[in-house]
Amino acid sequence: MKYMKFFLFVSCFFLLMACGTTNNGATNGGTGSDQDDPAQEEEGVKDLTGHIVSIDGNRILVTGENAHNSVSATWYTIDDNTLITLASGREPGIVLQVGMKVETWNTGIVLESFPSQASAVKIIVDDSQPLKEREAIEQALSEVDPSQPWLVATVEEEGDMYKVTLKNLLSDDEEVEIEVKVE
């Protein structure tokens, strides 16, 4: 009977000890802390691929397709930790502009409003986008209500003119086609 009580006590002790152990930081570089791997935090979560349709101080509004191939809009806050680079890998002093085609990465925390809001971890600018196309998108967006989240649906070059098709993401109205001349 003594052995039975002792065995039961030791078993309960080991069971309680096993419940309180961690994985020794296997996912966080062996630090033993509950924090995620800093390298993973810097990488972020891939979010939208689309166009910058508005800039407000340290925030940009990007509309485009998300990782689930659905159309969305997100205001990204840019801070000193945001990596802004070109798709070709070069990292000169990039100034973000309306009309630029970008790929965005966020911290994984997204405020579910519309447009949603997130902190940008990384912004990759598509440097294969022709300058005149970016300027055409910027001109077209200047002709519509700037308070609305506009999706750049298509951009077609027609000689010295561009036809930019915009879709208001807050409305079921028809798409708006705007022809602009870029010099």
Protein backbone atom coordinates (compact mmCIF):
# COMPACT_ATOMS: atom_id res chain seq x y z
CA MET A 1 0.00 0.00 0.00
CA LYS A 2 2.93 2.34 0.78
CA TYR A 3 4.36 1.71 -2.65
CA MET A 4 1.00 2.44 -4.27
CA LYS A 5 0.71 5.84 -2.54
CA PHE A 6 4.33 6.67 -3.34
CA PHE A 7 3.86 5.68 -7.01
CA LEU A 8 0.65 7.75 -7.25
CA PHE A 9 2.41 10.78 -5.69
CA VAL A 10 5.41 10.52 -8.05
CA SER A 11 3.11 10.08 -11.07
CA CYS A 12 1.11 13.19 -10.16
CA PHE A 13 4.34 15.13 -9.59
CA PHE A 14 5.70 14.24 -13.04
CA LEU A 15 2.34 14.95 -14.67
CA LEU A 16 2.23 18.43 -13.16
CA MET A 17 5.85 19.11 -14.13
CA ALA A 18 5.18 18.05 -17.72
CA CYS A 19 2.23 20.44 -17.99
CA GLY A 20 4.37 23.39 -16.94
CA THR A 21 7.27 22.95 -19.36
CA THR A 22 7.86 24.86 -22.57
CA ASN A 23 9.31 23.72 -25.85
CA ASN A 24 12.65 25.33 -24.89
CA GLY A 25 12.13 28.09 -27.44
CA ALA A 26 12.14 25.83 -30.48
CA THR A 27 10.23 28.46 -32.46
CA ASN A 28 12.08 31.44 -31.08
CA GLY A 29 15.73 30.59 -31.48
CA GLY A 30 16.12 28.87 -28.13
CA THR A 31 15.68 32.02 -26.04
CA GLY A 32 13.02 30.41 -23.88
CA SER A 33 10.90 33.54 -24.10
CA ASP A 34 7.33 33.64 -25.30
CA GLN A 35 8.24 36.18 -28.01
CA ASP A 36 8.17 35.17 -31.65
CA ASP A 37 11.31 34.98 -33.72
CA PRO A 38 12.40 38.59 -34.48
CA ALA A 39 13.36 37.59 -38.03
CA GLN A 40 9.80 36.38 -38.58
CA GLU A 41 8.40 39.65 -37.24
CA GLU A 42 10.57 41.64 -39.65
CA GLU A 43 9.41 39.53 -42.60
CA GLY A 44 5.73 40.18 -41.88
CA VAL A 45 2.69 38.84 -43.69
CA LYS A 46 2.19 39.34 -47.43
CA ASP A 47 -0.92 41.42 -47.95
CA LEU A 48 -1.97 43.38 -51.04
CA THR A 49 -0.56 43.66 -54.53
CA GLY A 50 -1.99 46.74 -56.19
CA HIS A 51 -1.62 50.48 -56.60
CA ILE A 52 -1.11 53.38 -54.21
CA VAL A 53 -4.28 55.43 -54.69
CA SER A 54 -3.83 57.99 -51.91
CA ILE A 55 -1.12 59.33 -49.62
CA ASP A 56 -1.87 61.05 -46.31
CA GLY A 57 1.23 61.99 -44.33
CA ASN A 58 2.88 58.74 -43.23
CA ARG A 59 0.02 56.57 -44.54
CA ILE A 60 -0.68 55.16 -47.99
CA LEU A 61 -3.94 53.69 -49.28
CA VAL A 62 -3.34 50.64 -51.44
CA THR A 63 -6.11 48.88 -53.37
CA GLY A 64 -5.62 45.57 -55.12
CA GLU A 65 -5.71 41.80 -54.68
CA ASN A 66 -4.86 40.15 -51.40
CA ALA A 67 -3.33 36.70 -50.86
CA HIS A 68 -6.80 35.13 -51.27
CA ASN A 69 -7.26 36.73 -54.73
CA SER A 70 -10.05 39.00 -53.53
CA VAL A 71 -10.07 42.76 -53.97
CA SER A 72 -9.41 44.87 -50.90
CA ALA A 73 -8.17 48.25 -49.68
CA THR A 74 -5.82 48.96 -46.79
CA TRP A 75 -4.35 52.09 -45.22
CA TYR A 76 -0.72 51.28 -44.33
CA THR A 77 1.15 53.28 -41.72
CA ILE A 78 4.80 53.72 -42.66
CA ASP A 79 7.41 54.23 -39.95
CA ASP A 80 11.21 54.17 -39.65
CA ASN A 81 11.18 50.36 -39.54
CA THR A 82 9.29 49.96 -42.83
CA LEU A 83 11.53 48.56 -45.55
CA ILE A 84 10.82 50.22 -48.90
CA THR A 85 12.61 48.54 -51.78
CA LEU A 86 12.40 48.00 -55.51
CA ALA A 87 11.41 44.62 -56.95
CA SER A 88 14.81 44.47 -58.65
CA GLY A 89 16.40 44.53 -55.20
CA ARG A 90 17.92 47.99 -55.34
CA GLU A 91 17.19 50.21 -52.35
CA PRO A 92 17.76 53.85 -53.29
CA GLY A 93 15.90 56.61 -51.48
CA ILE A 94 12.47 55.66 -52.78
CA VAL A 95 9.71 58.25 -52.55
CA LEU A 96 6.29 56.61 -52.69
CA GLN A 97 3.88 58.24 -55.14
CA VAL A 98 0.25 57.85 -56.12
CA GLY A 99 -0.09 55.42 -59.01
CA MET A 100 2.88 53.22 -58.10
CA LYS A 101 2.33 49.47 -58.35
CA VAL A 102 3.38 47.88 -55.05
CA GLU A 103 3.40 44.65 -53.07
CA THR A 104 2.74 45.18 -49.37
CA TRP A 105 3.59 43.23 -46.23
CA ASN A 106 2.10 44.00 -42.80
CA THR A 107 2.79 42.99 -39.20
CA GLY A 108 -0.07 40.49 -39.15
CA ILE A 109 -2.27 42.80 -37.10
CA VAL A 110 -5.00 44.33 -39.26
CA LEU A 111 -7.83 46.55 -38.02
CA GLU A 112 -10.97 45.26 -39.68
CA SER A 113 -12.54 48.47 -40.92
CA PHE A 114 -13.01 49.43 -44.54
CA PRO A 115 -10.53 50.28 -45.76
CA SER A 116 -8.67 48.14 -43.26
CA GLN A 117 -5.65 49.55 -41.42
CA ALA A 118 -2.24 47.99 -40.79
CA SER A 119 1.38 48.84 -40.13
CA ALA A 120 3.61 48.27 -43.14
CA VAL A 121 6.63 46.04 -42.59
CA LYS A 122 7.77 46.01 -46.20
CA ILE A 123 6.72 47.71 -49.43
CA ILE A 124 8.13 46.44 -52.71
CA VAL A 125 7.78 48.91 -55.59
CA ASP A 126 7.39 47.36 -59.06
CA ASP A 127 10.18 49.14 -60.91
CA SER A 128 9.14 47.51 -64.20
CA GLN A 129 6.05 49.75 -64.25
CA PRO A 130 6.49 52.45 -66.91
CA LEU A 131 6.69 56.00 -65.53
CA LYS A 132 3.99 57.20 -67.94
CA GLU A 133 1.61 54.50 -66.67
CA ARG A 134 2.13 55.67 -63.08
CA GLU A 135 1.53 59.26 -64.14
CA ALA A 136 -1.62 58.26 -66.05
CA ILE A 137 -3.01 56.54 -62.96
CA GLU A 138 -2.18 59.58 -60.83
CA GLN A 139 -3.95 61.92 -63.29
CA ALA A 140 -7.01 59.66 -63.49
CA LEU A 141 -7.27 59.46 -59.70
CA SER A 142 -7.10 63.27 -59.49
CA GLU A 143 -10.35 63.41 -61.49
CA VAL A 144 -12.44 61.32 -59.05
CA ASP A 145 -13.55 61.77 -55.43
CA PRO A 146 -10.33 61.35 -53.38
CA SER A 147 -12.22 60.27 -50.26
CA GLN A 148 -13.26 57.00 -51.93
CA PRO A 149 -11.18 53.81 -52.21
CA TRP A 150 -10.66 53.43 -55.97
CA LEU A 151 -9.38 50.20 -57.48
CA VAL A 152 -7.24 50.56 -60.60
CA ALA A 153 -8.99 47.87 -62.66
CA THR A 154 -7.10 48.29 -65.96
CA VAL A 155 -4.60 50.59 -67.62
CA GLU A 156 -4.39 50.54 -71.41
CA GLU A 157 -1.93 52.50 -73.52
CA GLU A 158 -3.44 53.87 -76.73
CA GLY A 159 -0.78 55.86 -78.58
CA ASP A 160 -0.02 58.96 -76.54
CA MET A 161 -3.17 58.42 -74.45
CA TYR A 162 -3.89 56.09 -71.55
CA LYS A 163 -7.31 54.69 -70.69
CA VAL A 164 -7.51 54.06 -66.93
CA THR A 165 -10.49 52.10 -65.62
CA LEU A 166 -11.32 52.74 -61.96
CA LYS A 167 -13.80 50.95 -59.70
CA ASN A 168 -15.16 52.50 -56.49
CA LEU A 169 -14.92 49.73 -53.87
CA LEU A 170 -17.69 51.31 -51.74
CA SER A 171 -20.21 51.42 -54.54
CA ASP A 172 -21.86 49.05 -56.99
CA ASP A 173 -21.76 51.73 -59.66
CA GLU A 174 -20.28 51.07 -63.06
CA GLU A 175 -16.55 51.34 -63.54
CA VAL A 176 -15.25 54.77 -64.51
CA GLU A 177 -13.10 55.01 -67.64
CA ILE A 178 -10.83 58.03 -67.79
CA GLU A 179 -8.63 58.90 -70.74
CA VAL A 180 -5.54 60.94 -69.97
CA LYS A 181 -2.67 62.24 -72.04
CA VAL A 182 0.76 61.81 -70.49
CA GLU A 183 3.62 63.87 -71.91
